[in-house]
Amino acid sequence: MAYGLRFDERGRPRRGMAWEMAATLLAEQLVLQLERANFVVLKRPPRPPHSAG
């Protein structure tokens, strides 16, 4: 999460040490909130390969 928060909407890195610190702190807080809410991220099972037939 912190990695994603370090970049702007265009994918460019945000400048300054404050962004680094803020991204890390915010990511930690988001993870705690998601854990408290029992939020679960699930991965879908892979689809069967497409047949060209």
N, C-alpha and C. Protein backbone atom coordinates (compact mmCIF):
# COMPACT_ATOMS: atom_id res chain seq x y z
N MET A 1 0.82 -1.19 0.00
CA MET A 1 0.00 0.00 0.00
C MET A 1 0.86 1.25 0.00
N ALA A 2 1.89 1.24 0.79
CA ALA A 2 2.76 2.41 0.86
C ALA A 2 3.38 2.69 -0.50
N TYR A 3 3.72 1.64 -1.22
CA TYR A 3 4.30 1.80 -2.55
C TYR A 3 3.35 2.57 -3.45
N GLY A 4 2.08 2.18 -3.45
CA GLY A 4 1.09 2.84 -4.28
C GLY A 4 0.84 4.28 -3.88
N LEU A 5 0.98 4.59 -2.61
CA LEU A 5 0.75 5.95 -2.13
C LEU A 5 1.91 6.89 -2.45
N ARG A 6 3.04 6.32 -2.83
CA ARG A 6 4.21 7.15 -3.14
C ARG A 6 4.18 7.73 -4.55
N PHE A 7 3.17 7.36 -5.34
CA PHE A 7 3.10 7.82 -6.72
C PHE A 7 1.81 8.58 -6.96
N ASP A 8 1.85 9.52 -7.89
CA ASP A 8 0.65 10.30 -8.20
C ASP A 8 -0.22 9.56 -9.22
N GLU A 9 -1.30 10.22 -9.67
CA GLU A 9 -2.25 9.58 -10.58
C GLU A 9 -1.66 9.28 -11.95
N ARG A 10 -0.55 9.91 -12.28
CA ARG A 10 0.12 9.65 -13.56
C ARG A 10 1.23 8.62 -13.45
N GLY A 11 1.43 8.09 -12.24
CA GLY A 11 2.48 7.10 -12.03
C GLY A 11 3.84 7.69 -11.74
N ARG A 12 3.89 9.01 -11.59
CA ARG A 12 5.17 9.67 -11.29
C ARG A 12 5.39 9.69 -9.78
N PRO A 13 6.62 9.49 -9.34
CA PRO A 13 6.89 9.50 -7.91
C PRO A 13 6.63 10.89 -7.32
N ARG A 14 6.05 10.89 -6.13
CA ARG A 14 5.84 12.16 -5.43
C ARG A 14 7.17 12.58 -4.82
N ARG A 15 7.41 13.87 -4.78
CA ARG A 15 8.69 14.38 -4.30
C ARG A 15 8.61 14.74 -2.82
N GLY A 16 9.72 14.58 -2.16
CA GLY A 16 9.86 15.05 -0.78
C GLY A 16 9.80 13.93 0.24
N MET A 17 10.51 14.16 1.30
CA MET A 17 10.58 13.19 2.39
C MET A 17 9.24 13.08 3.11
N ALA A 18 8.46 14.14 3.12
CA ALA A 18 7.17 14.11 3.80
C ALA A 18 6.25 13.08 3.16
N TRP A 19 6.30 12.95 1.83
CA TRP A 19 5.46 11.96 1.15
C TRP A 19 5.86 10.55 1.54
N GLU A 20 7.15 10.31 1.67
CA GLU A 20 7.63 8.98 2.06
C GLU A 20 7.10 8.60 3.44
N MET A 21 7.23 9.53 4.38
CA MET A 21 6.78 9.28 5.74
C MET A 21 5.26 9.15 5.80
N ALA A 22 4.56 10.05 5.12
CA ALA A 22 3.10 10.02 5.12
C ALA A 22 2.58 8.73 4.49
N ALA A 23 3.18 8.29 3.40
CA ALA A 23 2.75 7.07 2.73
C ALA A 23 2.90 5.87 3.65
N THR A 24 4.01 5.79 4.36
CA THR A 24 4.24 4.68 5.27
C THR A 24 3.24 4.70 6.42
N LEU A 25 3.03 5.85 7.03
CA LEU A 25 2.09 5.95 8.15
C LEU A 25 0.66 5.65 7.70
N LEU A 26 0.26 6.20 6.57
CA LEU A 26 -1.09 5.98 6.07
C LEU A 26 -1.31 4.51 5.73
N ALA A 27 -0.33 3.88 5.12
CA ALA A 27 -0.46 2.46 4.78
C ALA A 27 -0.64 1.62 6.04
N GLU A 28 0.12 1.92 7.08
CA GLU A 28 -0.02 1.18 8.34
C GLU A 28 -1.42 1.35 8.92
N GLN A 29 -1.94 2.57 8.89
CA GLN A 29 -3.28 2.84 9.41
C GLN A 29 -4.35 2.13 8.57
N LEU A 30 -4.20 2.14 7.26
CA LEU A 30 -5.16 1.46 6.39
C LEU A 30 -5.18 -0.04 6.66
N VAL A 31 -4.02 -0.63 6.82
CA VAL A 31 -3.94 -2.06 7.10
C VAL A 31 -4.63 -2.38 8.43
N LEU A 32 -4.40 -1.58 9.44
CA LEU A 32 -5.05 -1.81 10.74
C LEU A 32 -6.57 -1.72 10.62
N GLN A 33 -7.06 -0.71 9.90
CA GLN A 33 -8.51 -0.55 9.72
C GLN A 33 -9.11 -1.73 8.95
N LEU A 34 -8.42 -2.18 7.91
CA LEU A 34 -8.92 -3.31 7.13
C LEU A 34 -8.93 -4.59 7.96
N GLU A 35 -7.91 -4.78 8.79
CA GLU A 35 -7.87 -5.96 9.66
C GLU A 35 -9.01 -5.91 10.67
N ARG A 36 -9.27 -4.74 11.26
CA ARG A 36 -10.37 -4.61 12.22
C ARG A 36 -11.72 -4.88 11.57
N ALA A 37 -11.86 -4.54 10.30
CA ALA A 37 -13.12 -4.74 9.58
C ALA A 37 -13.21 -6.15 8.99
N ASN A 38 -12.22 -7.00 9.27
CA ASN A 38 -12.17 -8.36 8.73
C ASN A 38 -12.23 -8.38 7.21
N PHE A 39 -11.61 -7.40 6.59
CA PHE A 39 -11.58 -7.31 5.14
C PHE A 39 -10.65 -8.38 4.59
N VAL A 40 -11.11 -9.11 3.58
CA VAL A 40 -10.33 -10.19 3.00
C VAL A 40 -10.21 -9.97 1.50
N VAL A 41 -9.01 -10.11 1.01
CA VAL A 41 -8.77 -10.01 -0.43
C VAL A 41 -8.63 -11.43 -0.95
N LEU A 42 -9.48 -11.78 -1.90
CA LEU A 42 -9.44 -13.12 -2.46
C LEU A 42 -8.98 -13.06 -3.91
N LYS A 43 -8.28 -14.08 -4.29
CA LYS A 43 -7.85 -14.19 -5.66
C LYS A 43 -8.80 -15.15 -6.38
N ARG A 44 -9.25 -14.79 -7.56
CA ARG A 44 -10.11 -15.68 -8.32
C ARG A 44 -9.29 -16.86 -8.82
N PRO A 45 -9.94 -18.04 -8.90
CA PRO A 45 -9.20 -19.18 -9.46
C PRO A 45 -8.91 -18.92 -10.93
N PRO A 46 -7.82 -19.46 -11.45
CA PRO A 46 -7.49 -19.22 -12.86
C PRO A 46 -8.55 -19.81 -13.77
N ARG A 47 -8.82 -19.11 -14.85
CA ARG A 47 -9.79 -19.61 -15.83
C ARG A 47 -9.14 -20.71 -16.66
N PRO A 48 -9.98 -21.62 -17.17
CA PRO A 48 -9.41 -22.64 -18.06
C PRO A 48 -8.89 -21.98 -19.33
N PRO A 49 -7.87 -22.57 -19.93
CA PRO A 49 -7.30 -21.98 -21.14
C PRO A 49 -8.34 -21.90 -22.26
N HIS A 50 -8.24 -20.86 -23.05
CA HIS A 50 -9.15 -20.66 -24.17
C HIS A 50 -8.77 -21.59 -25.31
N SER A 51 -9.75 -22.29 -25.83
CA SER A 51 -9.44 -23.19 -26.96
C SER A 51 -9.65 -22.45 -28.26
N ALA A 52 -8.71 -22.59 -29.16
CA ALA A 52 -8.78 -21.88 -30.45
C ALA A 52 -9.58 -22.68 -31.48
N GLY A 53 -10.12 -23.82 -31.07
CA GLY A 53 -10.79 -24.75 -31.97
C GLY A 53 -12.03 -24.30 -32.52
